[in-house]
Amino acid sequence: MDTPTALDKVEELLKPWTEAVQKPFENRVDINIQAKNFLSVVRTLLDARWGYLSAITGVDRPGETAETSHIELLYHFCEDAAILTLRINLPYNNAVIDSVCGMIPSVTLYERETIEMFGVTITNTPDTDHLLLPDGWPEGVYPLRKSFTGLGTSA
């Protein structure tokens, strides 16, 4: 399937859950969805045999207030040269999303990284052990959040 056809197909597949669509490059489509629809969207992609999950990216988007601050999760799926990015906003005060390990077992490493680095709670993920940070890392300190300024040192 050529790239434009693959992108058209995935846009049509995900239309029921789509909140917004951006096309930043000719081989890419970004689709905003709500976290509550995430598992349905992934199931639809898998059932249609559209692509594979290549990465999860987190972006910290602090706002003027706690209510406007959020973590944006980007789930990147690839079908040859076509790239779909699912964009999901999670508010700081409820940064929770369901695990897709039940459908894509290899995603556990990405999920563990997201938990550690951004403080996102991923429900039903099978493994929450530290992946990158040492076991003694302080709870509630997330190195990829913009509020992180380093760990204090004592003299």
N, C-alpha and C. Protein backbone atom coordinates (compact mmCIF):
# COMPACT_ATOMS: atom_id res chain seq x y z
N MET A 1 0.85 -1.17 0.00
CA MET A 1 0.00 0.00 0.00
C MET A 1 0.91 1.24 0.00
N ASP A 2 0.61 2.19 -0.88
CA ASP A 2 1.44 3.40 -0.92
C ASP A 2 1.12 4.30 0.28
N THR A 3 1.99 5.25 0.55
CA THR A 3 1.87 6.09 1.75
C THR A 3 0.58 6.90 1.79
N PRO A 4 0.22 7.63 0.72
CA PRO A 4 -1.05 8.39 0.80
C PRO A 4 -2.27 7.51 1.06
N THR A 5 -2.29 6.33 0.46
CA THR A 5 -3.40 5.41 0.67
C THR A 5 -3.43 4.91 2.11
N ALA A 6 -2.27 4.59 2.66
CA ALA A 6 -2.19 4.12 4.04
C ALA A 6 -2.68 5.20 5.01
N LEU A 7 -2.30 6.45 4.76
CA LEU A 7 -2.73 7.55 5.63
C LEU A 7 -4.23 7.81 5.51
N ASP A 8 -4.75 7.74 4.29
CA ASP A 8 -6.20 7.90 4.10
C ASP A 8 -6.95 6.80 4.83
N LYS A 9 -6.43 5.57 4.74
CA LYS A 9 -7.09 4.43 5.37
C LYS A 9 -7.14 4.60 6.89
N VAL A 10 -6.01 5.01 7.49
CA VAL A 10 -5.98 5.12 8.95
C VAL A 10 -6.85 6.29 9.42
N GLU A 11 -6.90 7.35 8.67
CA GLU A 11 -7.81 8.46 9.03
C GLU A 11 -9.26 7.99 9.05
N GLU A 12 -9.63 7.21 8.05
CA GLU A 12 -11.01 6.69 7.96
C GLU A 12 -11.29 5.70 9.10
N LEU A 13 -10.32 4.82 9.38
CA LEU A 13 -10.48 3.84 10.46
C LEU A 13 -10.74 4.50 11.81
N LEU A 14 -10.03 5.60 12.06
CA LEU A 14 -10.07 6.23 13.38
C LEU A 14 -11.05 7.39 13.49
N LYS A 15 -11.79 7.64 12.44
CA LYS A 15 -12.73 8.77 12.42
C LYS A 15 -13.68 8.79 13.62
N PRO A 16 -14.21 7.64 14.07
CA PRO A 16 -15.16 7.69 15.20
C PRO A 16 -14.57 8.27 16.49
N TRP A 17 -13.25 8.23 16.64
CA TRP A 17 -12.62 8.70 17.88
C TRP A 17 -11.79 9.98 17.69
N THR A 18 -11.72 10.46 16.48
CA THR A 18 -10.85 11.60 16.16
C THR A 18 -11.42 12.92 16.67
N GLU A 19 -10.58 13.65 17.40
CA GLU A 19 -10.94 14.99 17.85
C GLU A 19 -10.33 16.06 16.95
N ALA A 20 -9.13 15.80 16.43
CA ALA A 20 -8.46 16.74 15.54
C ALA A 20 -7.44 15.97 14.71
N VAL A 21 -7.13 16.50 13.52
CA VAL A 21 -6.16 15.89 12.62
C VAL A 21 -5.17 16.97 12.17
N GLN A 22 -3.91 16.63 12.23
CA GLN A 22 -2.87 17.48 11.66
C GLN A 22 -2.04 16.64 10.70
N LYS A 23 -1.54 17.29 9.66
CA LYS A 23 -0.68 16.61 8.68
C LYS A 23 0.61 17.42 8.54
N PRO A 24 1.55 17.22 9.49
CA PRO A 24 2.76 18.04 9.50
C PRO A 24 3.72 17.75 8.35
N PHE A 25 3.66 16.55 7.79
CA PHE A 25 4.50 16.16 6.66
C PHE A 25 3.68 15.27 5.75
N GLU A 26 4.13 15.12 4.51
CA GLU A 26 3.33 14.36 3.54
C GLU A 26 3.20 12.88 3.89
N ASN A 27 4.11 12.35 4.72
CA ASN A 27 4.04 10.93 5.08
C ASN A 27 3.52 10.71 6.49
N ARG A 28 2.91 11.75 7.07
CA ARG A 28 2.54 11.64 8.48
C ARG A 28 1.17 12.26 8.74
N VAL A 29 0.42 11.61 9.65
CA VAL A 29 -0.83 12.16 10.15
C VAL A 29 -0.83 12.04 11.67
N ASP A 30 -1.19 13.14 12.33
CA ASP A 30 -1.34 13.16 13.78
C ASP A 30 -2.82 13.24 14.09
N ILE A 31 -3.29 12.34 14.94
CA ILE A 31 -4.71 12.30 15.29
C ILE A 31 -4.85 12.42 16.80
N ASN A 32 -5.57 13.44 17.23
CA ASN A 32 -5.84 13.65 18.65
C ASN A 32 -7.04 12.79 19.05
N ILE A 33 -6.85 12.05 20.16
CA ILE A 33 -7.93 11.24 20.71
C ILE A 33 -7.98 11.45 22.22
N GLN A 34 -9.06 11.02 22.84
CA GLN A 34 -9.18 11.06 24.29
C GLN A 34 -8.63 9.76 24.88
N ALA A 35 -8.08 9.86 26.08
CA ALA A 35 -7.51 8.69 26.75
C ALA A 35 -8.54 7.57 26.91
N LYS A 36 -9.80 7.93 27.15
CA LYS A 36 -10.83 6.90 27.36
C LYS A 36 -11.06 6.05 26.11
N ASN A 37 -10.66 6.55 24.95
CA ASN A 37 -10.84 5.81 23.68
C ASN A 37 -9.58 5.09 23.22
N PHE A 38 -8.52 5.22 23.97
CA PHE A 38 -7.22 4.71 23.54
C PHE A 38 -7.22 3.22 23.21
N LEU A 39 -7.75 2.39 24.10
CA LEU A 39 -7.74 0.94 23.84
C LEU A 39 -8.57 0.58 22.61
N SER A 40 -9.69 1.23 22.41
CA SER A 40 -10.51 0.97 21.23
C SER A 40 -9.77 1.34 19.95
N VAL A 41 -9.06 2.45 19.99
CA VAL A 41 -8.29 2.89 18.82
C VAL A 41 -7.18 1.89 18.50
N VAL A 42 -6.44 1.47 19.52
CA VAL A 42 -5.36 0.51 19.28
C VAL A 42 -5.92 -0.82 18.78
N ARG A 43 -7.03 -1.27 19.36
CA ARG A 43 -7.66 -2.52 18.90
C ARG A 43 -8.06 -2.40 17.44
N THR A 44 -8.59 -1.25 17.05
CA THR A 44 -8.99 -1.03 15.65
C THR A 44 -7.78 -1.10 14.72
N LEU A 45 -6.68 -0.48 15.12
CA LEU A 45 -5.45 -0.54 14.31
C LEU A 45 -4.95 -1.97 14.16
N LEU A 46 -4.95 -2.70 15.26
CA LEU A 46 -4.48 -4.09 15.21
C LEU A 46 -5.41 -4.98 14.38
N ASP A 47 -6.71 -4.82 14.57
CA ASP A 47 -7.66 -5.62 13.79
C ASP A 47 -7.54 -5.34 12.29
N ALA A 48 -7.23 -4.09 11.94
CA ALA A 48 -7.07 -3.72 10.53
C ALA A 48 -5.67 -4.04 10.01
N ARG A 49 -4.82 -4.53 10.92
CA ARG A 49 -3.42 -4.81 10.58
C ARG A 49 -2.73 -3.57 10.01
N TRP A 50 -3.02 -2.43 10.64
CA TRP A 50 -2.41 -1.18 10.21
C TRP A 50 -1.21 -0.87 11.09
N GLY A 51 -0.04 -1.13 10.58
CA GLY A 51 1.21 -0.72 11.19
C GLY A 51 1.58 -1.43 12.47
N TYR A 52 2.63 -0.90 13.08
CA TYR A 52 3.17 -1.41 14.34
C TYR A 52 3.55 -0.21 15.21
N LEU A 53 3.51 -0.40 16.51
CA LEU A 53 3.90 0.65 17.43
C LEU A 53 5.42 0.77 17.44
N SER A 54 5.94 1.94 17.10
CA SER A 54 7.39 2.12 17.04
C SER A 54 7.96 2.86 18.24
N ALA A 55 7.14 3.68 18.90
CA ALA A 55 7.65 4.44 20.06
C ALA A 55 6.51 5.13 20.78
N ILE A 56 6.78 5.49 22.03
CA ILE A 56 5.93 6.38 22.79
C ILE A 56 6.80 7.57 23.18
N THR A 57 6.30 8.76 22.93
CA THR A 57 7.01 9.98 23.31
C THR A 57 6.14 10.74 24.30
N GLY A 58 6.76 11.28 25.33
CA GLY A 58 6.06 12.13 26.27
C GLY A 58 6.51 13.57 26.10
N VAL A 59 5.57 14.49 26.25
CA VAL A 59 5.88 15.91 26.17
C VAL A 59 5.20 16.59 27.37
N ASP A 60 6.00 17.29 28.17
CA ASP A 60 5.45 18.03 29.31
C ASP A 60 5.00 19.39 28.81
N ARG A 61 3.74 19.72 29.06
CA ARG A 61 3.16 20.99 28.61
C ARG A 61 2.60 21.74 29.82
N PRO A 62 3.51 22.37 30.60
CA PRO A 62 3.01 23.13 31.75
C PRO A 62 2.22 24.35 31.29
N GLY A 63 1.14 24.62 32.01
CA GLY A 63 0.31 25.78 31.69
C GLY A 63 0.43 26.83 32.78
N GLU A 64 -0.43 27.80 32.70
CA GLU A 64 -0.43 28.87 33.70
C GLU A 64 -0.88 28.36 35.07
N THR A 65 -1.73 27.35 35.07
CA THR A 65 -2.24 26.79 36.31
C THR A 65 -2.14 25.27 36.25
N ALA A 66 -2.34 24.64 37.40
CA ALA A 66 -2.34 23.17 37.43
C ALA A 66 -3.44 22.61 36.53
N GLU A 67 -4.56 23.32 36.43
CA GLU A 67 -5.68 22.84 35.61
C GLU A 67 -5.37 22.88 34.11
N THR A 68 -4.46 23.75 33.70
CA THR A 68 -4.13 23.85 32.26
C THR A 68 -2.84 23.12 31.91
N SER A 69 -2.19 22.52 32.89
CA SER A 69 -0.95 21.78 32.66
C SER A 69 -1.27 20.33 32.31
N HIS A 70 -0.53 19.78 31.36
CA HIS A 70 -0.78 18.39 31.00
C HIS A 70 0.47 17.72 30.42
N ILE A 71 0.42 16.42 30.42
CA ILE A 71 1.41 15.60 29.73
C ILE A 71 0.76 15.14 28.44
N GLU A 72 1.45 15.31 27.34
CA GLU A 72 0.94 14.82 26.06
C GLU A 72 1.71 13.55 25.71
N LEU A 73 0.98 12.47 25.51
CA LEU A 73 1.60 11.22 25.08
C LEU A 73 1.39 11.08 23.58
N LEU A 74 2.46 10.70 22.90
CA LEU A 74 2.43 10.49 21.46
C LEU A 74 2.77 9.03 21.20
N TYR A 75 1.81 8.31 20.67
CA TYR A 75 2.01 6.90 20.30
C TYR A 75 2.23 6.85 18.80
N HIS A 76 3.44 6.47 18.38
CA HIS A 76 3.81 6.48 16.96
C HIS A 76 3.65 5.08 16.37
N PHE A 77 2.81 5.00 15.35
CA PHE A 77 2.61 3.75 14.60
C PHE A 77 3.13 3.95 13.18
N CYS A 78 3.78 2.93 12.63
CA CYS A 78 4.34 3.01 11.28
C CYS A 78 3.77 1.91 10.39
N GLU A 79 3.47 2.29 9.18
CA GLU A 79 3.04 1.36 8.13
C GLU A 79 3.91 1.70 6.92
N ASP A 80 5.02 0.97 6.75
CA ASP A 80 6.04 1.34 5.75
C ASP A 80 6.46 2.78 6.02
N ALA A 81 6.35 3.68 5.03
CA ALA A 81 6.77 5.07 5.22
C ALA A 81 5.70 5.94 5.87
N ALA A 82 4.49 5.42 6.01
CA ALA A 82 3.39 6.18 6.61
C ALA A 82 3.52 6.15 8.14
N ILE A 83 3.37 7.32 8.76
CA ILE A 83 3.47 7.42 10.22
C ILE A 83 2.20 8.03 10.78
N LEU A 84 1.61 7.32 11.71
CA LEU A 84 0.46 7.80 12.47
C LEU A 84 0.94 8.11 13.88
N THR A 85 0.61 9.29 14.36
CA THR A 85 0.88 9.63 15.75
C THR A 85 -0.45 9.89 16.45
N LEU A 86 -0.73 9.07 17.45
CA LEU A 86 -1.89 9.29 18.30
C LEU A 86 -1.46 10.26 19.38
N ARG A 87 -2.16 11.38 19.50
CA ARG A 87 -1.84 12.42 20.48
C ARG A 87 -2.91 12.41 21.57
N ILE A 88 -2.45 12.21 22.82
CA ILE A 88 -3.38 12.10 23.95
C ILE A 88 -2.91 13.04 25.05
N ASN A 89 -3.78 13.95 25.47
CA ASN A 89 -3.47 14.88 26.55
C ASN A 89 -3.97 14.33 27.88
N LEU A 90 -3.08 14.31 28.86
CA LEU A 90 -3.41 13.85 30.21
C LEU A 90 -3.13 14.98 31.18
N PRO A 91 -4.15 15.44 31.92
CA PRO A 91 -3.92 16.52 32.88
C PRO A 91 -2.97 16.07 33.99
N TYR A 92 -2.16 17.02 34.48
CA TYR A 92 -1.25 16.69 35.59
C TYR A 92 -1.97 16.00 36.73
N ASN A 93 -3.15 16.49 37.07
CA ASN A 93 -3.85 15.95 38.24
C ASN A 93 -4.54 14.62 37.98
N ASN A 94 -4.49 14.11 36.74
CA ASN A 94 -5.06 12.81 36.42
C ASN A 94 -4.33 12.22 35.21
N ALA A 95 -3.01 12.11 35.35
CA ALA A 95 -2.18 11.60 34.25
C ALA A 95 -2.23 10.07 34.25
N VAL A 96 -3.34 9.55 33.75
CA VAL A 96 -3.61 8.11 33.78
C VAL A 96 -4.03 7.65 32.40
N ILE A 97 -3.48 6.52 31.97
CA ILE A 97 -3.88 5.91 30.70
C ILE A 97 -3.80 4.39 30.85
N ASP A 98 -4.58 3.68 30.06
CA ASP A 98 -4.56 2.23 30.10
C ASP A 98 -3.35 1.67 29.38
N SER A 99 -2.87 0.54 29.87
CA SER A 99 -1.77 -0.17 29.22
C SER A 99 -2.27 -0.90 27.98
N VAL A 100 -1.41 -0.98 26.98
CA VAL A 100 -1.73 -1.79 25.81
C VAL A 100 -0.89 -3.06 25.77
N CYS A 101 -0.24 -3.39 26.91
CA CYS A 101 0.58 -4.61 26.96
C CYS A 101 -0.22 -5.87 26.66
N GLY A 102 -1.51 -5.86 26.98
CA GLY A 102 -2.35 -7.02 26.68
C GLY A 102 -2.50 -7.26 25.18
N MET A 103 -2.34 -6.21 24.39
CA MET A 103 -2.44 -6.32 22.93
C MET A 103 -1.08 -6.31 22.25
N ILE A 104 -0.14 -5.55 22.84
CA ILE A 104 1.20 -5.40 22.28
C ILE A 104 2.19 -5.62 23.43
N PRO A 105 2.55 -6.86 23.73
CA PRO A 105 3.38 -7.14 24.90
C PRO A 105 4.72 -6.39 24.94
N SER A 106 5.30 -6.12 23.80
CA SER A 106 6.61 -5.46 23.77
C SER A 106 6.57 -4.01 24.23
N VAL A 107 5.40 -3.44 24.39
CA VAL A 107 5.28 -2.03 24.79
C VAL A 107 5.66 -1.82 26.26
N THR A 108 5.87 -2.87 27.00
CA THR A 108 6.17 -2.73 28.42
C THR A 108 7.37 -1.83 28.68
N LEU A 109 8.40 -1.89 27.86
CA LEU A 109 9.58 -1.03 28.07
C LEU A 109 9.23 0.44 27.90
N TYR A 110 8.45 0.75 26.87
CA TYR A 110 8.03 2.14 26.65
C TYR A 110 7.15 2.63 27.79
N GLU A 111 6.27 1.76 28.27
CA GLU A 111 5.38 2.16 29.36
C GLU A 111 6.16 2.42 30.64
N ARG A 112 7.13 1.57 30.94
CA ARG A 112 7.94 1.76 32.14
C ARG A 112 8.73 3.07 32.06
N GLU A 113 9.23 3.38 30.90
CA GLU A 113 9.95 4.64 30.71
C GLU A 113 9.02 5.84 30.94
N THR A 114 7.82 5.76 30.41
CA THR A 114 6.83 6.84 30.56
C THR A 114 6.45 7.03 32.02
N ILE A 115 6.29 5.96 32.75
CA ILE A 115 5.98 6.02 34.17
C ILE A 115 7.10 6.73 34.93
N GLU A 116 8.32 6.29 34.70
CA GLU A 116 9.48 6.84 35.43
C GLU A 116 9.80 8.29 35.07
N MET A 117 9.79 8.59 33.81
CA MET A 117 10.28 9.89 33.35
C MET A 117 9.24 11.01 33.44
N PHE A 118 7.95 10.65 33.32
CA PHE A 118 6.90 11.67 33.29
C PHE A 118 5.88 11.57 34.42
N GLY A 119 5.90 10.48 35.18
CA GLY A 119 4.95 10.34 36.27
C GLY A 119 3.55 9.99 35.83
N VAL A 120 3.43 9.39 34.67
CA VAL A 120 2.13 8.95 34.17
C VAL A 120 1.80 7.61 34.82
N THR A 121 0.56 7.44 35.26
CA THR A 121 0.11 6.15 35.77
C THR A 121 -0.46 5.36 34.60
N ILE A 122 0.08 4.17 34.40
CA ILE A 122 -0.40 3.32 33.32
C ILE A 122 -1.06 2.11 33.97
N THR A 123 -2.39 2.07 33.87
CA THR A 123 -3.14 1.02 34.56
C THR A 123 -3.00 -0.31 33.83
N ASN A 124 -2.89 -1.36 34.62
CA ASN A 124 -2.81 -2.74 34.14
C ASN A 124 -1.53 -3.07 33.39
N THR A 125 -0.50 -2.23 33.54
CA THR A 125 0.78 -2.60 32.95
C THR A 125 1.40 -3.70 33.84
N PRO A 126 1.98 -4.73 33.25
CA PRO A 126 2.42 -5.86 34.05
C PRO A 126 3.69 -5.62 34.88
N ASP A 127 4.47 -4.59 34.54
CA ASP A 127 5.74 -4.40 35.22
C ASP A 127 5.98 -2.91 35.45
N THR A 128 6.11 -2.52 36.71
CA THR A 128 6.39 -1.11 37.02
C THR A 128 7.75 -0.95 37.70
N ASP A 129 8.60 -1.98 37.61
CA ASP A 129 9.94 -1.87 38.18
C ASP A 129 10.71 -0.76 37.46
N HIS A 130 11.69 -0.21 38.15
CA HIS A 130 12.53 0.81 37.54
C HIS A 130 13.20 0.25 36.29
N LEU A 131 13.28 1.07 35.30
CA LEU A 131 13.93 0.70 34.05
C LEU A 131 15.20 1.52 33.86
N LEU A 132 15.10 2.82 34.05
CA LEU A 132 16.23 3.73 33.80
C LEU A 132 16.80 4.35 35.07
N LEU A 133 15.95 4.62 36.04
CA LEU A 133 16.38 5.30 37.25
C LEU A 133 16.80 4.29 38.32
N PRO A 134 17.70 4.69 39.20
CA PRO A 134 18.12 3.77 40.27
C PRO A 134 16.98 3.50 41.24
N ASP A 135 17.06 2.38 41.93
CA ASP A 135 16.00 1.99 42.85
C ASP A 135 15.76 3.01 43.95
N GLY A 136 16.73 3.76 44.35
CA GLY A 136 16.56 4.73 45.42
C GLY A 136 16.08 6.10 44.95
N TRP A 137 15.67 6.21 43.70
CA TRP A 137 15.23 7.50 43.15
C TRP A 137 14.03 8.02 43.94
N PRO A 138 14.02 9.32 44.27
CA PRO A 138 12.91 9.86 45.07
C PRO A 138 11.56 9.74 44.36
N GLU A 139 10.56 9.33 45.10
CA GLU A 139 9.21 9.22 44.55
C GLU A 139 8.67 10.62 44.24
N GLY A 140 7.94 10.74 43.13
CA GLY A 140 7.35 12.02 42.77
C GLY A 140 8.30 12.97 42.05
N VAL A 141 9.50 12.51 41.71
CA VAL A 141 10.47 13.32 40.97
C VAL A 141 10.62 12.71 39.59
N TYR A 142 10.24 13.49 38.57
CA TYR A 142 10.20 12.97 37.20
C TYR A 142 11.15 13.77 36.31
N PRO A 143 12.27 13.17 35.89
CA PRO A 143 13.33 13.91 35.21
C PRO A 143 12.96 14.56 33.88
N LEU A 144 11.92 14.11 33.20
CA LEU A 144 11.58 14.73 31.92
C LEU A 144 10.45 15.74 32.02
N ARG A 145 10.01 16.03 33.24
CA ARG A 145 9.06 17.13 33.42
C ARG A 145 9.86 18.43 33.49
N LYS A 146 9.32 19.47 32.96
CA LYS A 146 10.03 20.75 32.91
C LYS A 146 10.28 21.32 34.29
N SER A 147 9.54 20.88 35.29
CA SER A 147 9.77 21.36 36.65
C SER A 147 11.02 20.76 37.28
N PHE A 148 11.60 19.73 36.67
CA PHE A 148 12.79 19.06 37.21
C PHE A 148 14.01 19.96 37.01
N THR A 149 14.69 20.28 38.11
CA THR A 149 15.89 21.12 38.03
C THR A 149 17.12 20.38 38.54
N GLY A 150 16.98 19.12 38.78
CA GLY A 150 18.09 18.32 39.30
C GLY A 150 17.83 17.94 40.74
N LEU A 151 18.61 17.03 41.21
CA LEU A 151 18.50 16.60 42.60
C LEU A 151 19.46 17.43 43.43
N GLY A 152 18.99 17.90 44.57
CA GLY A 152 19.85 18.67 45.46
C GLY A 152 20.95 17.81 46.03
N THR A 153 22.05 18.42 46.31
CA THR A 153 23.17 17.69 46.92
C THR A 153 23.42 18.25 48.30
N SER A 154 23.84 17.42 49.18
CA SER A 154 24.14 17.89 50.52
C SER A 154 25.66 17.90 50.71
N ALA A 155 26.12 18.86 51.50
CA ALA A 155 27.56 19.03 51.71
C ALA A 155 28.02 18.17 52.86
